[in-house]
N, C-alpha and C. Protein backbone atom coordinates (compact mmCIF):
# COMPACT_ATOMS: atom_id res chain seq x y z
N MET A 1 3.94 -10.97 -4.77
CA MET A 1 5.31 -10.48 -4.86
C MET A 1 5.58 -9.62 -3.63
N GLY A 2 6.67 -9.87 -2.94
CA GLY A 2 7.01 -9.11 -1.75
C GLY A 2 8.47 -8.70 -1.76
N LYS A 3 8.74 -7.63 -1.06
CA LYS A 3 10.10 -7.08 -0.98
C LYS A 3 10.23 -6.39 0.36
N GLU A 4 11.46 -6.40 0.90
CA GLU A 4 11.66 -5.73 2.19
C GLU A 4 12.86 -4.80 2.12
N ARG A 5 12.89 -3.88 3.09
CA ARG A 5 13.95 -2.91 3.17
C ARG A 5 14.14 -2.50 4.62
N ILE A 6 15.38 -2.28 5.03
CA ILE A 6 15.68 -1.74 6.36
C ILE A 6 15.71 -0.22 6.22
N ILE A 7 14.91 0.45 7.04
CA ILE A 7 14.87 1.92 7.06
C ILE A 7 15.44 2.36 8.40
N HIS A 8 16.41 3.23 8.37
CA HIS A 8 17.12 3.66 9.58
C HIS A 8 16.38 4.82 10.25
N LEU A 9 15.16 4.52 10.67
CA LEU A 9 14.31 5.47 11.38
C LEU A 9 13.44 4.72 12.37
N ASN A 10 12.88 5.45 13.32
CA ASN A 10 11.97 4.90 14.30
C ASN A 10 10.72 4.36 13.63
N ILE A 11 10.22 3.24 14.10
CA ILE A 11 9.05 2.58 13.53
C ILE A 11 7.82 3.50 13.46
N GLU A 12 7.64 4.35 14.49
CA GLU A 12 6.47 5.25 14.52
C GLU A 12 6.53 6.27 13.38
N LYS A 13 7.73 6.76 13.08
CA LYS A 13 7.88 7.72 11.97
C LYS A 13 7.48 7.09 10.65
N VAL A 14 7.96 5.87 10.43
CA VAL A 14 7.64 5.18 9.17
C VAL A 14 6.15 4.87 9.12
N TRP A 15 5.59 4.39 10.22
CA TRP A 15 4.17 4.02 10.29
C TRP A 15 3.26 5.21 10.01
N SER A 16 3.68 6.39 10.42
CA SER A 16 2.85 7.59 10.23
C SER A 16 2.55 7.85 8.75
N LEU A 17 3.39 7.35 7.86
CA LEU A 17 3.16 7.54 6.43
C LEU A 17 1.94 6.76 5.93
N PHE A 18 1.51 5.76 6.67
CA PHE A 18 0.38 4.95 6.24
C PHE A 18 -0.94 5.45 6.82
N SER A 19 -0.91 6.61 7.48
CA SER A 19 -2.14 7.22 7.98
C SER A 19 -2.82 7.98 6.84
N ASP A 20 -4.12 8.21 6.99
CA ASP A 20 -4.88 8.88 5.95
C ASP A 20 -4.27 10.23 5.54
N VAL A 21 -3.83 10.99 6.52
CA VAL A 21 -3.33 12.34 6.25
C VAL A 21 -2.04 12.32 5.42
N ASN A 22 -1.27 11.23 5.47
CA ASN A 22 0.01 11.17 4.75
C ASN A 22 0.02 10.24 3.54
N ILE A 23 -1.08 9.57 3.26
CA ILE A 23 -1.09 8.52 2.24
C ILE A 23 -0.65 9.03 0.86
N GLN A 24 -0.97 10.29 0.54
CA GLN A 24 -0.59 10.81 -0.78
C GLN A 24 0.91 11.06 -0.90
N LYS A 25 1.61 11.11 0.22
CA LYS A 25 3.07 11.26 0.17
C LYS A 25 3.72 10.00 -0.39
N ILE A 26 3.18 8.84 -0.02
CA ILE A 26 3.78 7.59 -0.50
C ILE A 26 3.05 7.03 -1.71
N MET A 27 1.86 7.56 -1.99
CA MET A 27 1.09 7.14 -3.17
C MET A 27 0.62 8.40 -3.90
N PRO A 28 1.55 9.09 -4.58
CA PRO A 28 1.21 10.39 -5.17
C PRO A 28 0.14 10.33 -6.27
N GLN A 29 -0.10 9.16 -6.85
CA GLN A 29 -1.15 9.07 -7.88
C GLN A 29 -2.55 9.06 -7.26
N VAL A 30 -2.63 8.89 -5.94
CA VAL A 30 -3.93 8.92 -5.27
C VAL A 30 -4.36 10.39 -5.17
N GLU A 31 -5.44 10.71 -5.86
CA GLU A 31 -5.94 12.10 -5.86
C GLU A 31 -6.91 12.35 -4.72
N LYS A 32 -7.62 11.29 -4.30
CA LYS A 32 -8.61 11.43 -3.25
C LYS A 32 -8.57 10.18 -2.39
N HIS A 33 -8.64 10.37 -1.07
CA HIS A 33 -8.64 9.24 -0.13
C HIS A 33 -9.54 9.66 1.02
N GLU A 34 -10.79 9.25 0.94
CA GLU A 34 -11.81 9.72 1.88
C GLU A 34 -12.40 8.56 2.68
N LEU A 35 -12.31 8.66 4.01
CA LEU A 35 -12.89 7.65 4.89
C LEU A 35 -14.40 7.69 4.77
N ILE A 36 -15.01 6.53 4.52
CA ILE A 36 -16.48 6.49 4.38
C ILE A 36 -17.14 5.53 5.37
N GLU A 37 -16.33 4.69 6.04
CA GLU A 37 -16.90 3.75 7.00
C GLU A 37 -15.88 3.43 8.10
N LYS A 38 -16.32 3.43 9.36
CA LYS A 38 -15.50 3.15 10.54
C LYS A 38 -14.40 4.21 10.72
N THR A 39 -13.30 3.84 11.42
CA THR A 39 -12.17 4.75 11.57
C THR A 39 -10.97 4.14 10.86
N GLU A 40 -9.97 4.95 10.55
CA GLU A 40 -8.85 4.45 9.76
C GLU A 40 -8.03 3.39 10.49
N GLN A 41 -8.15 3.30 11.82
CA GLN A 41 -7.39 2.32 12.59
C GLN A 41 -8.18 1.04 12.88
N GLU A 42 -9.22 0.77 12.11
CA GLU A 42 -10.07 -0.40 12.37
C GLU A 42 -10.11 -1.35 11.19
N VAL A 43 -10.19 -2.63 11.51
CA VAL A 43 -10.49 -3.63 10.48
C VAL A 43 -11.90 -3.32 9.97
N GLY A 44 -12.08 -3.37 8.68
CA GLY A 44 -13.37 -3.05 8.09
C GLY A 44 -13.52 -1.60 7.67
N ALA A 45 -12.51 -0.78 7.96
CA ALA A 45 -12.56 0.62 7.51
C ALA A 45 -12.63 0.63 5.99
N LYS A 46 -13.39 1.57 5.46
CA LYS A 46 -13.50 1.70 4.00
C LYS A 46 -13.21 3.14 3.60
N HIS A 47 -12.46 3.25 2.51
CA HIS A 47 -12.11 4.55 1.95
C HIS A 47 -12.53 4.60 0.49
N LEU A 48 -13.05 5.75 0.09
CA LEU A 48 -13.29 6.01 -1.32
C LEU A 48 -12.00 6.60 -1.85
N GLN A 49 -11.40 5.93 -2.82
CA GLN A 49 -10.10 6.38 -3.31
C GLN A 49 -10.17 6.61 -4.82
N THR A 50 -9.56 7.70 -5.25
CA THR A 50 -9.45 8.01 -6.67
C THR A 50 -7.98 8.04 -7.03
N TYR A 51 -7.64 7.29 -8.07
CA TYR A 51 -6.25 7.09 -8.50
C TYR A 51 -6.13 7.55 -9.94
N LYS A 52 -5.08 8.30 -10.24
CA LYS A 52 -4.88 8.78 -11.60
C LYS A 52 -3.54 8.30 -12.12
N GLU A 53 -3.58 7.68 -13.28
CA GLU A 53 -2.36 7.26 -13.96
C GLU A 53 -2.46 7.74 -15.40
N GLY A 54 -1.60 8.69 -15.75
CA GLY A 54 -1.69 9.30 -17.07
C GLY A 54 -3.00 10.06 -17.18
N LYS A 55 -3.77 9.77 -18.22
CA LYS A 55 -5.07 10.44 -18.41
C LYS A 55 -6.22 9.65 -17.80
N ARG A 56 -5.93 8.43 -17.36
CA ARG A 56 -6.96 7.55 -16.83
C ARG A 56 -7.15 7.77 -15.33
N THR A 57 -8.40 7.85 -14.89
CA THR A 57 -8.74 8.00 -13.48
C THR A 57 -9.67 6.86 -13.09
N GLU A 58 -9.37 6.23 -11.97
CA GLU A 58 -10.20 5.14 -11.43
C GLU A 58 -10.64 5.50 -10.02
N THR A 59 -11.88 5.21 -9.69
CA THR A 59 -12.39 5.39 -8.33
C THR A 59 -12.90 4.04 -7.84
N TYR A 60 -12.56 3.71 -6.61
CA TYR A 60 -12.90 2.41 -6.06
C TYR A 60 -12.93 2.50 -4.54
N ILE A 61 -13.39 1.44 -3.90
CA ILE A 61 -13.46 1.36 -2.44
C ILE A 61 -12.29 0.50 -1.95
N VAL A 62 -11.51 1.05 -1.01
CA VAL A 62 -10.40 0.32 -0.38
C VAL A 62 -10.87 -0.12 1.00
N GLU A 63 -10.77 -1.42 1.27
CA GLU A 63 -11.17 -1.95 2.58
C GLU A 63 -9.94 -2.42 3.35
N THR A 64 -9.89 -2.07 4.63
CA THR A 64 -8.82 -2.54 5.51
C THR A 64 -9.22 -3.91 6.03
N LEU A 65 -8.42 -4.93 5.67
CA LEU A 65 -8.71 -6.30 6.10
C LEU A 65 -8.03 -6.65 7.42
N VAL A 66 -6.82 -6.10 7.64
CA VAL A 66 -6.07 -6.34 8.87
C VAL A 66 -5.44 -5.02 9.29
N TYR A 67 -5.47 -4.74 10.60
CA TYR A 67 -4.84 -3.53 11.12
C TYR A 67 -4.26 -3.85 12.49
N GLU A 68 -2.93 -3.83 12.59
CA GLU A 68 -2.25 -4.07 13.87
C GLU A 68 -1.31 -2.90 14.15
N ASP A 69 -1.39 -2.37 15.35
CA ASP A 69 -0.54 -1.24 15.74
C ASP A 69 0.04 -1.51 17.12
N GLU A 70 1.06 -2.34 17.17
CA GLU A 70 1.75 -2.68 18.41
C GLU A 70 3.07 -1.90 18.46
N PRO A 71 3.66 -1.71 19.64
CA PRO A 71 4.91 -0.94 19.72
C PRO A 71 6.05 -1.47 18.83
N ASP A 72 6.15 -2.79 18.68
CA ASP A 72 7.25 -3.37 17.91
C ASP A 72 6.85 -3.91 16.55
N LYS A 73 5.55 -3.89 16.25
CA LYS A 73 5.07 -4.44 14.98
C LYS A 73 3.85 -3.67 14.51
N LYS A 74 3.87 -3.30 13.25
CA LYS A 74 2.74 -2.62 12.62
C LYS A 74 2.40 -3.40 11.36
N TYR A 75 1.12 -3.56 11.09
CA TYR A 75 0.73 -4.33 9.92
C TYR A 75 -0.62 -3.83 9.41
N LYS A 76 -0.69 -3.64 8.11
CA LYS A 76 -1.94 -3.20 7.49
C LYS A 76 -2.10 -3.94 6.18
N GLN A 77 -3.29 -4.53 6.00
CA GLN A 77 -3.61 -5.20 4.74
C GLN A 77 -4.86 -4.55 4.17
N ILE A 78 -4.79 -4.18 2.90
CA ILE A 78 -5.92 -3.55 2.24
C ILE A 78 -6.30 -4.34 0.98
N PHE A 79 -7.54 -4.15 0.55
CA PHE A 79 -8.06 -4.86 -0.60
C PHE A 79 -8.97 -3.92 -1.39
N PHE A 80 -8.88 -4.01 -2.73
CA PHE A 80 -9.81 -3.27 -3.58
C PHE A 80 -9.89 -3.92 -4.94
N VAL A 81 -10.93 -3.58 -5.69
CA VAL A 81 -11.11 -4.05 -7.05
C VAL A 81 -10.88 -2.85 -7.96
N LEU A 82 -9.95 -3.02 -8.89
CA LEU A 82 -9.56 -1.93 -9.79
C LEU A 82 -10.16 -2.16 -11.18
N GLY A 83 -10.87 -1.16 -11.65
CA GLY A 83 -11.42 -1.20 -13.00
C GLY A 83 -12.35 -2.36 -13.28
N LYS A 84 -13.01 -2.88 -12.27
CA LYS A 84 -13.92 -4.02 -12.39
C LYS A 84 -13.24 -5.21 -13.05
N ALA A 85 -11.89 -5.24 -13.00
CA ALA A 85 -11.16 -6.30 -13.68
C ALA A 85 -10.15 -7.01 -12.79
N PHE A 86 -9.58 -6.29 -11.81
CA PHE A 86 -8.49 -6.84 -11.02
C PHE A 86 -8.73 -6.68 -9.52
N GLU A 87 -8.53 -7.76 -8.78
CA GLU A 87 -8.54 -7.70 -7.32
C GLU A 87 -7.12 -7.40 -6.87
N VAL A 88 -6.97 -6.40 -6.01
CA VAL A 88 -5.65 -6.00 -5.53
C VAL A 88 -5.63 -6.17 -4.01
N ASP A 89 -4.63 -6.90 -3.54
CA ASP A 89 -4.46 -7.19 -2.12
C ASP A 89 -3.05 -6.75 -1.75
N LEU A 90 -2.92 -5.75 -0.87
CA LEU A 90 -1.62 -5.19 -0.51
C LEU A 90 -1.39 -5.29 1.00
N CYS A 91 -0.14 -5.59 1.38
CA CYS A 91 0.23 -5.69 2.79
C CYS A 91 1.45 -4.83 3.08
N PHE A 92 1.38 -4.10 4.18
CA PHE A 92 2.48 -3.25 4.63
C PHE A 92 2.82 -3.69 6.05
N SER A 93 4.05 -4.16 6.25
CA SER A 93 4.47 -4.67 7.54
C SER A 93 5.71 -3.92 8.02
N LEU A 94 5.69 -3.50 9.27
CA LEU A 94 6.84 -2.83 9.89
C LEU A 94 7.22 -3.60 11.14
N LEU A 95 8.51 -3.82 11.31
CA LEU A 95 9.01 -4.52 12.47
C LEU A 95 10.15 -3.71 13.07
N ARG A 96 10.04 -3.40 14.37
CA ARG A 96 11.09 -2.64 15.04
C ARG A 96 12.31 -3.54 15.24
N LEU A 97 13.45 -3.12 14.68
CA LEU A 97 14.69 -3.85 14.87
C LEU A 97 15.56 -3.19 15.93
N GLY A 98 15.36 -1.90 16.12
CA GLY A 98 16.09 -1.12 17.10
C GLY A 98 15.39 0.22 17.24
N GLU A 99 15.92 1.09 18.10
CA GLU A 99 15.28 2.39 18.32
C GLU A 99 15.12 3.17 17.02
N ASN A 100 16.11 3.12 16.16
CA ASN A 100 16.07 3.84 14.88
C ASN A 100 16.35 2.91 13.71
N GLU A 101 15.72 1.75 13.76
CA GLU A 101 15.87 0.79 12.67
C GLU A 101 14.57 0.00 12.53
N THR A 102 14.00 0.04 11.32
CA THR A 102 12.72 -0.59 11.06
C THR A 102 12.82 -1.44 9.79
N LYS A 103 12.31 -2.65 9.88
CA LYS A 103 12.24 -3.50 8.68
C LYS A 103 10.86 -3.30 8.07
N PHE A 104 10.83 -2.83 6.84
CA PHE A 104 9.59 -2.58 6.11
C PHE A 104 9.43 -3.65 5.04
N THR A 105 8.31 -4.36 5.08
CA THR A 105 8.01 -5.37 4.07
C THR A 105 6.73 -4.97 3.36
N TYR A 106 6.82 -4.95 2.03
CA TYR A 106 5.68 -4.62 1.18
C TYR A 106 5.39 -5.82 0.31
N SER A 107 4.17 -6.29 0.34
CA SER A 107 3.80 -7.41 -0.53
C SER A 107 2.39 -7.20 -1.05
N GLY A 108 2.12 -7.88 -2.12
CA GLY A 108 0.79 -7.76 -2.69
C GLY A 108 0.61 -8.67 -3.86
N CYS A 109 -0.63 -8.79 -4.27
CA CYS A 109 -0.92 -9.56 -5.47
C CYS A 109 -2.13 -8.96 -6.16
N ASN A 110 -2.10 -9.08 -7.48
CA ASN A 110 -3.21 -8.66 -8.33
C ASN A 110 -3.74 -9.92 -8.99
N GLN A 111 -5.05 -10.04 -9.04
CA GLN A 111 -5.65 -11.21 -9.65
C GLN A 111 -6.78 -10.76 -10.56
N GLY A 112 -6.77 -11.28 -11.78
CA GLY A 112 -7.85 -10.96 -12.71
C GLY A 112 -9.15 -11.60 -12.27
N LEU A 113 -10.25 -10.90 -12.52
CA LEU A 113 -11.56 -11.41 -12.10
C LEU A 113 -12.13 -12.41 -13.11
N ASN A 114 -11.66 -12.36 -14.36
CA ASN A 114 -12.14 -13.33 -15.34
C ASN A 114 -10.96 -13.87 -16.13
N PHE A 115 -11.23 -14.78 -17.05
CA PHE A 115 -10.16 -15.46 -17.80
C PHE A 115 -9.27 -14.47 -18.54
N ILE A 116 -9.85 -13.52 -19.22
CA ILE A 116 -9.06 -12.55 -20.01
C ILE A 116 -8.18 -11.70 -19.10
N ASP A 117 -8.74 -11.24 -18.00
CA ASP A 117 -7.97 -10.42 -17.06
C ASP A 117 -6.83 -11.24 -16.42
N ARG A 118 -7.10 -12.50 -16.11
CA ARG A 118 -6.05 -13.36 -15.55
C ARG A 118 -4.93 -13.57 -16.58
N ALA A 119 -5.30 -13.77 -17.83
CA ALA A 119 -4.31 -13.94 -18.90
C ALA A 119 -3.47 -12.68 -19.05
N MET A 120 -4.10 -11.52 -18.96
CA MET A 120 -3.36 -10.25 -19.05
C MET A 120 -2.36 -10.13 -17.91
N MET A 121 -2.76 -10.55 -16.71
CA MET A 121 -1.87 -10.48 -15.56
C MET A 121 -0.67 -11.40 -15.76
N GLU A 122 -0.90 -12.57 -16.34
CA GLU A 122 0.19 -13.51 -16.58
C GLU A 122 1.18 -12.97 -17.61
N MET A 123 0.68 -12.19 -18.56
CA MET A 123 1.54 -11.63 -19.59
C MET A 123 2.29 -10.39 -19.10
N ALA A 124 1.83 -9.83 -18.00
CA ALA A 124 2.49 -8.62 -17.47
C ALA A 124 3.96 -8.94 -17.16
N ASN A 125 4.78 -7.97 -17.40
CA ASN A 125 6.22 -8.14 -17.23
C ASN A 125 6.60 -8.12 -15.75
N ASN A 126 7.16 -9.22 -15.24
CA ASN A 126 7.57 -9.29 -13.83
C ASN A 126 8.64 -8.27 -13.51
N LYS A 127 9.52 -7.99 -14.47
CA LYS A 127 10.58 -7.00 -14.26
C LYS A 127 9.96 -5.62 -14.02
N SER A 128 8.92 -5.31 -14.76
CA SER A 128 8.21 -4.03 -14.58
C SER A 128 7.56 -3.97 -13.21
N ASN A 129 6.94 -5.08 -12.78
CA ASN A 129 6.31 -5.13 -11.46
C ASN A 129 7.35 -4.94 -10.36
N LEU A 130 8.51 -5.56 -10.52
CA LEU A 130 9.58 -5.43 -9.53
C LEU A 130 10.07 -3.99 -9.44
N LYS A 131 10.16 -3.31 -10.59
CA LYS A 131 10.56 -1.89 -10.60
C LYS A 131 9.54 -1.04 -9.84
N THR A 132 8.26 -1.35 -10.02
CA THR A 132 7.20 -0.62 -9.33
C THR A 132 7.32 -0.81 -7.82
N VAL A 133 7.57 -2.04 -7.38
CA VAL A 133 7.71 -2.34 -5.96
C VAL A 133 8.94 -1.62 -5.40
N GLU A 134 10.06 -1.69 -6.11
CA GLU A 134 11.29 -1.01 -5.67
C GLU A 134 11.06 0.50 -5.57
N ALA A 135 10.36 1.06 -6.53
CA ALA A 135 10.07 2.51 -6.51
C ALA A 135 9.22 2.86 -5.29
N PHE A 136 8.27 1.99 -4.93
CA PHE A 136 7.44 2.24 -3.76
C PHE A 136 8.29 2.20 -2.48
N LEU A 137 9.16 1.21 -2.36
CA LEU A 137 10.04 1.12 -1.20
C LEU A 137 10.92 2.36 -1.11
N ASP A 138 11.46 2.80 -2.23
CA ASP A 138 12.28 4.02 -2.26
C ASP A 138 11.48 5.23 -1.77
N ARG A 139 10.23 5.35 -2.26
CA ARG A 139 9.39 6.50 -1.89
C ARG A 139 9.08 6.49 -0.40
N VAL A 140 8.75 5.32 0.15
CA VAL A 140 8.46 5.23 1.59
C VAL A 140 9.70 5.64 2.39
N GLU A 141 10.85 5.11 2.01
CA GLU A 141 12.09 5.45 2.74
C GLU A 141 12.39 6.94 2.65
N GLN A 142 12.26 7.51 1.46
CA GLN A 142 12.55 8.94 1.25
C GLN A 142 11.57 9.80 2.04
N GLU A 143 10.30 9.50 1.97
CA GLU A 143 9.29 10.29 2.68
C GLU A 143 9.45 10.16 4.20
N ALA A 144 9.83 8.99 4.68
CA ALA A 144 10.03 8.79 6.11
C ALA A 144 11.16 9.70 6.63
N MET A 145 12.16 9.92 5.81
CA MET A 145 13.27 10.79 6.21
C MET A 145 12.81 12.24 6.37
N GLU A 146 11.72 12.58 5.68
CA GLU A 146 11.24 13.96 5.69
C GLU A 146 10.14 14.21 6.71
N VAL A 147 9.60 13.16 7.31
CA VAL A 147 8.51 13.31 8.29
C VAL A 147 9.04 13.94 9.56
């Protein structure tokens, strides 16, 4: 599932939100985000991340699969396994449209690791997933205005 939004800010300002130091601004449920392998700007970088939703806390390894930082295009793809049940693959793409105009595209997919987990994913409400994606786009846009 993917969604895009035009943000009326410089691409570098928006991109700065995806750095380690700012990640909790756009992902407030992330309680810990610690680099454990390579550097944050490298393919193969790994982070130990702890995520809290309600009373439940999950800790997992996030791996950077793709990292591009060009003047007119920024792209980052990450992958992790959540709760030993779901593979999560997320992509963040920024494209410079003008000096103060950036197209932000967020896409991702979750896949169950076994039959039961896959069935649970199929039963998940797409409307709920779309609301989550829209909320993330809103948060990135709002936080970019404050950087």
